[in-house]
Amino acid sequence: MAVELKGRRVSRTVDAAADDTILQLALKHDVDWGFNCTRGTCARCRCRIDSGMERLNAPTEAELDRLEPEELENGFRLACQAAVKAEGTIIAVWKPYF
């Protein structure tokens, strides 16, 4: 499974295994991706999924609590919660609030 990660300045296409989160992949491959908590509460790892949303798990309770419905509809996820579930390409772009 290929995941294209676009951080602040670093972009990489990496191989992913099932259940890897976008944040785990970014950290493992030295993509400059901001985060604070890894639990879905700070939303610092917020990203936009430009392609492959159907290849990720459904939004978690943490995401439903933290993100607005409009954000979810527009492809935003929390990278610490968005886990790879199916074969294919995923494109994730780090999009923090600040």
N, C-alpha and C. Protein backbone atom coordinates (compact mmCIF):
# COMPACT_ATOMS: atom_id res chain seq x y z
N MET A 1 0.85 -1.17 0.00
CA MET A 1 0.00 0.00 0.00
C MET A 1 0.89 1.23 0.00
N ALA A 2 0.63 2.12 -0.88
CA ALA A 2 1.44 3.33 -0.97
C ALA A 2 0.68 4.51 -0.36
N VAL A 3 1.39 5.26 0.47
CA VAL A 3 0.81 6.45 1.07
C VAL A 3 1.73 7.61 0.75
N GLU A 4 1.17 8.64 0.11
CA GLU A 4 1.92 9.86 -0.17
C GLU A 4 1.64 10.83 0.97
N LEU A 5 2.70 11.22 1.66
CA LEU A 5 2.61 12.12 2.81
C LEU A 5 3.19 13.47 2.43
N LYS A 6 2.45 14.53 2.70
CA LYS A 6 2.92 15.89 2.41
C LYS A 6 2.92 16.68 3.71
N GLY A 7 4.10 16.84 4.29
CA GLY A 7 4.24 17.60 5.52
C GLY A 7 4.45 19.07 5.22
N ARG A 8 5.00 19.79 6.19
CA ARG A 8 5.23 21.23 6.02
C ARG A 8 6.22 21.47 4.87
N ARG A 9 7.36 20.79 4.90
CA ARG A 9 8.38 20.97 3.86
C ARG A 9 8.78 19.66 3.19
N VAL A 10 8.51 18.54 3.83
CA VAL A 10 8.95 17.24 3.33
C VAL A 10 7.76 16.44 2.81
N SER A 11 7.93 15.88 1.61
CA SER A 11 6.92 14.99 1.04
C SER A 11 7.59 13.67 0.68
N ARG A 12 6.90 12.58 0.98
CA ARG A 12 7.43 11.26 0.66
C ARG A 12 6.29 10.32 0.33
N THR A 13 6.57 9.38 -0.56
CA THR A 13 5.65 8.27 -0.79
C THR A 13 6.26 7.06 -0.12
N VAL A 14 5.50 6.43 0.75
CA VAL A 14 6.02 5.34 1.58
C VAL A 14 5.12 4.12 1.48
N ASP A 15 5.67 2.98 1.82
CA ASP A 15 4.88 1.76 1.90
C ASP A 15 4.23 1.68 3.27
N ALA A 16 3.01 1.18 3.31
CA ALA A 16 2.28 1.07 4.57
C ALA A 16 1.77 -0.35 4.74
N ALA A 17 1.64 -0.74 5.98
CA ALA A 17 1.00 -2.01 6.33
C ALA A 17 -0.39 -1.71 6.87
N ALA A 18 -1.25 -2.71 6.86
CA ALA A 18 -2.59 -2.54 7.41
C ALA A 18 -2.48 -2.08 8.87
N ASP A 19 -3.31 -1.15 9.23
CA ASP A 19 -3.43 -0.58 10.57
C ASP A 19 -2.38 0.47 10.91
N ASP A 20 -1.43 0.75 10.02
CA ASP A 20 -0.53 1.89 10.23
C ASP A 20 -1.37 3.16 10.17
N THR A 21 -1.13 4.10 11.09
CA THR A 21 -1.81 5.38 10.99
C THR A 21 -0.97 6.33 10.15
N ILE A 22 -1.62 7.35 9.64
CA ILE A 22 -0.91 8.36 8.85
C ILE A 22 0.20 8.98 9.70
N LEU A 23 -0.07 9.26 10.96
CA LEU A 23 0.95 9.86 11.82
C LEU A 23 2.12 8.91 12.05
N GLN A 24 1.85 7.63 12.30
CA GLN A 24 2.93 6.66 12.48
C GLN A 24 3.84 6.63 11.26
N LEU A 25 3.24 6.65 10.08
CA LEU A 25 4.02 6.63 8.84
C LEU A 25 4.86 7.89 8.69
N ALA A 26 4.27 9.05 8.99
CA ALA A 26 5.01 10.31 8.88
C ALA A 26 6.21 10.31 9.83
N LEU A 27 6.01 9.88 11.05
CA LEU A 27 7.11 9.87 12.02
C LEU A 27 8.19 8.87 11.62
N LYS A 28 7.78 7.70 11.17
CA LYS A 28 8.73 6.65 10.78
C LYS A 28 9.60 7.08 9.60
N HIS A 29 9.04 7.89 8.71
CA HIS A 29 9.75 8.27 7.48
C HIS A 29 10.21 9.73 7.48
N ASP A 30 10.32 10.31 8.66
CA ASP A 30 10.87 11.66 8.84
C ASP A 30 10.17 12.74 8.01
N VAL A 31 8.85 12.65 7.95
CA VAL A 31 8.06 13.71 7.33
C VAL A 31 7.70 14.69 8.44
N ASP A 32 7.91 15.97 8.21
CA ASP A 32 7.68 16.99 9.24
C ASP A 32 6.18 17.23 9.46
N TRP A 33 5.63 16.45 10.36
CA TRP A 33 4.19 16.42 10.64
C TRP A 33 4.00 16.77 12.10
N GLY A 34 3.28 17.83 12.38
CA GLY A 34 3.08 18.25 13.76
C GLY A 34 2.09 17.36 14.50
N PHE A 35 2.32 17.20 15.79
CA PHE A 35 1.40 16.47 16.66
C PHE A 35 1.79 16.77 18.10
N ASN A 36 0.87 16.53 19.01
CA ASN A 36 1.15 16.67 20.43
C ASN A 36 0.76 15.43 21.22
N CYS A 37 -0.43 14.88 20.96
CA CYS A 37 -0.95 13.89 21.91
C CYS A 37 -1.04 12.45 21.41
N THR A 38 -1.23 12.21 20.17
CA THR A 38 -1.46 10.88 19.56
C THR A 38 -2.74 10.20 20.01
N ARG A 39 -3.63 10.90 20.70
CA ARG A 39 -4.89 10.32 21.17
C ARG A 39 -6.12 10.89 20.47
N GLY A 40 -5.93 11.88 19.62
CA GLY A 40 -7.06 12.48 18.93
C GLY A 40 -7.70 13.63 19.66
N THR A 41 -7.02 14.19 20.65
CA THR A 41 -7.62 15.30 21.40
C THR A 41 -7.08 16.67 21.00
N CYS A 42 -5.83 16.75 20.59
CA CYS A 42 -5.23 18.07 20.31
C CYS A 42 -5.53 18.56 18.89
N ALA A 43 -5.72 17.64 17.95
CA ALA A 43 -5.98 17.94 16.53
C ALA A 43 -4.80 18.61 15.83
N ARG A 44 -3.64 18.63 16.44
CA ARG A 44 -2.45 19.22 15.80
C ARG A 44 -2.04 18.43 14.56
N CYS A 45 -2.40 17.15 14.50
CA CYS A 45 -2.02 16.29 13.38
C CYS A 45 -3.07 16.28 12.26
N ARG A 46 -4.04 17.18 12.34
CA ARG A 46 -5.12 17.21 11.35
C ARG A 46 -4.55 17.22 9.94
N CYS A 47 -5.17 16.44 9.06
CA CYS A 47 -4.73 16.39 7.67
C CYS A 47 -5.95 16.30 6.76
N ARG A 48 -5.69 16.57 5.49
CA ARG A 48 -6.73 16.42 4.47
C ARG A 48 -6.34 15.22 3.62
N ILE A 49 -7.28 14.33 3.41
CA ILE A 49 -7.05 13.17 2.56
C ILE A 49 -7.49 13.56 1.15
N ASP A 50 -6.51 13.74 0.27
CA ASP A 50 -6.80 14.17 -1.10
C ASP A 50 -7.19 13.00 -2.00
N SER A 51 -6.82 11.79 -1.61
CA SER A 51 -7.15 10.61 -2.39
C SER A 51 -7.09 9.39 -1.48
N GLY A 52 -8.00 8.45 -1.67
CA GLY A 52 -7.93 7.19 -0.96
C GLY A 52 -8.67 7.14 0.37
N MET A 53 -9.59 8.05 0.62
CA MET A 53 -10.34 8.03 1.88
C MET A 53 -10.99 6.66 2.12
N GLU A 54 -11.44 6.03 1.05
CA GLU A 54 -12.10 4.72 1.19
C GLU A 54 -11.14 3.62 1.61
N ARG A 55 -9.84 3.91 1.60
CA ARG A 55 -8.84 2.92 2.01
C ARG A 55 -8.44 3.07 3.49
N LEU A 56 -9.09 3.99 4.17
CA LEU A 56 -8.83 4.23 5.60
C LEU A 56 -10.00 3.73 6.44
N ASN A 57 -9.73 3.54 7.73
CA ASN A 57 -10.81 3.18 8.66
C ASN A 57 -11.84 4.30 8.72
N ALA A 58 -13.00 4.00 9.23
CA ALA A 58 -14.03 5.02 9.44
C ALA A 58 -13.55 5.97 10.54
N PRO A 59 -14.03 7.21 10.54
CA PRO A 59 -13.64 8.13 11.62
C PRO A 59 -13.92 7.54 13.00
N THR A 60 -12.98 7.74 13.90
CA THR A 60 -13.10 7.22 15.26
C THR A 60 -13.95 8.16 16.12
N GLU A 61 -14.29 7.69 17.31
CA GLU A 61 -15.02 8.54 18.26
C GLU A 61 -14.25 9.82 18.56
N ALA A 62 -12.93 9.71 18.68
CA ALA A 62 -12.10 10.89 18.94
C ALA A 62 -12.24 11.90 17.82
N GLU A 63 -12.26 11.44 16.58
CA GLU A 63 -12.41 12.35 15.45
C GLU A 63 -13.81 12.95 15.41
N LEU A 64 -14.81 12.14 15.67
CA LEU A 64 -16.19 12.65 15.68
C LEU A 64 -16.38 13.69 16.77
N ASP A 65 -15.67 13.54 17.89
CA ASP A 65 -15.74 14.52 18.97
C ASP A 65 -14.97 15.79 18.64
N ARG A 66 -13.85 15.67 17.93
CA ARG A 66 -12.93 16.81 17.74
C ARG A 66 -13.16 17.58 16.46
N LEU A 67 -13.50 16.89 15.38
CA LEU A 67 -13.68 17.54 14.07
C LEU A 67 -15.15 17.89 13.84
N GLU A 68 -15.35 18.99 13.16
CA GLU A 68 -16.70 19.40 12.79
C GLU A 68 -17.20 18.50 11.65
N PRO A 69 -18.51 18.28 11.55
CA PRO A 69 -19.04 17.46 10.45
C PRO A 69 -18.59 17.95 9.08
N GLU A 70 -18.50 19.28 8.91
CA GLU A 70 -18.07 19.84 7.63
C GLU A 70 -16.62 19.47 7.31
N GLU A 71 -15.79 19.40 8.34
CA GLU A 71 -14.39 19.01 8.12
C GLU A 71 -14.33 17.57 7.63
N LEU A 72 -15.06 16.68 8.28
CA LEU A 72 -15.09 15.28 7.86
C LEU A 72 -15.61 15.16 6.42
N GLU A 73 -16.65 15.90 6.10
CA GLU A 73 -17.22 15.88 4.75
C GLU A 73 -16.22 16.37 3.71
N ASN A 74 -15.34 17.28 4.11
CA ASN A 74 -14.35 17.84 3.19
C ASN A 74 -13.03 17.09 3.20
N GLY A 75 -13.01 15.90 3.80
CA GLY A 75 -11.83 15.03 3.72
C GLY A 75 -10.80 15.21 4.81
N PHE A 76 -11.15 15.92 5.87
CA PHE A 76 -10.19 16.10 6.97
C PHE A 76 -10.28 14.92 7.94
N ARG A 77 -9.12 14.51 8.43
CA ARG A 77 -9.00 13.44 9.42
C ARG A 77 -7.91 13.83 10.40
N LEU A 78 -7.85 13.12 11.51
CA LEU A 78 -6.73 13.25 12.44
C LEU A 78 -5.74 12.15 12.09
N ALA A 79 -4.52 12.52 11.78
CA ALA A 79 -3.52 11.55 11.30
C ALA A 79 -3.24 10.46 12.33
N CYS A 80 -3.41 10.77 13.62
CA CYS A 80 -3.17 9.76 14.66
C CYS A 80 -4.28 8.73 14.72
N GLN A 81 -5.41 9.01 14.10
CA GLN A 81 -6.57 8.12 14.15
C GLN A 81 -6.85 7.45 12.80
N ALA A 82 -6.41 8.04 11.71
CA ALA A 82 -6.68 7.53 10.36
C ALA A 82 -5.72 6.38 10.06
N ALA A 83 -6.26 5.16 10.00
CA ALA A 83 -5.43 3.96 9.80
C ALA A 83 -5.72 3.33 8.44
N VAL A 84 -4.66 2.85 7.81
CA VAL A 84 -4.75 2.19 6.51
C VAL A 84 -5.50 0.87 6.67
N LYS A 85 -6.48 0.63 5.82
CA LYS A 85 -7.28 -0.60 5.89
C LYS A 85 -7.31 -1.39 4.58
N ALA A 86 -7.00 -0.77 3.44
CA ALA A 86 -7.13 -1.47 2.17
C ALA A 86 -6.01 -1.09 1.21
N GLU A 87 -5.74 -1.98 0.27
CA GLU A 87 -4.71 -1.75 -0.76
C GLU A 87 -5.07 -0.55 -1.61
N GLY A 88 -4.04 0.14 -2.09
CA GLY A 88 -4.23 1.27 -3.00
C GLY A 88 -3.49 2.50 -2.49
N THR A 89 -3.58 3.54 -3.27
CA THR A 89 -2.85 4.77 -2.96
C THR A 89 -3.69 5.70 -2.09
N ILE A 90 -3.02 6.32 -1.13
CA ILE A 90 -3.63 7.32 -0.26
C ILE A 90 -2.74 8.56 -0.31
N ILE A 91 -3.34 9.73 -0.43
CA ILE A 91 -2.60 10.99 -0.38
C ILE A 91 -3.10 11.78 0.82
N ALA A 92 -2.18 12.07 1.75
CA ALA A 92 -2.52 12.82 2.97
C ALA A 92 -1.65 14.07 3.06
N VAL A 93 -2.29 15.21 3.31
CA VAL A 93 -1.61 16.49 3.40
C VAL A 93 -1.83 17.07 4.79
N TRP A 94 -0.74 17.36 5.51
CA TRP A 94 -0.84 17.94 6.85
C TRP A 94 -1.48 19.31 6.74
N LYS A 95 -2.57 19.55 7.44
CA LYS A 95 -3.30 20.81 7.41
C LYS A 95 -3.72 21.21 8.82
N PRO A 96 -2.78 21.69 9.64
CA PRO A 96 -3.16 22.07 11.01
C PRO A 96 -4.01 23.34 10.99
N TYR A 97 -4.64 23.60 12.11
CA TYR A 97 -5.45 24.82 12.25
C TYR A 97 -4.58 26.06 12.30
N PHE A 98 -3.35 25.92 12.81
CA PHE A 98 -2.47 27.08 12.98
C PHE A 98 -1.09 26.76 12.54
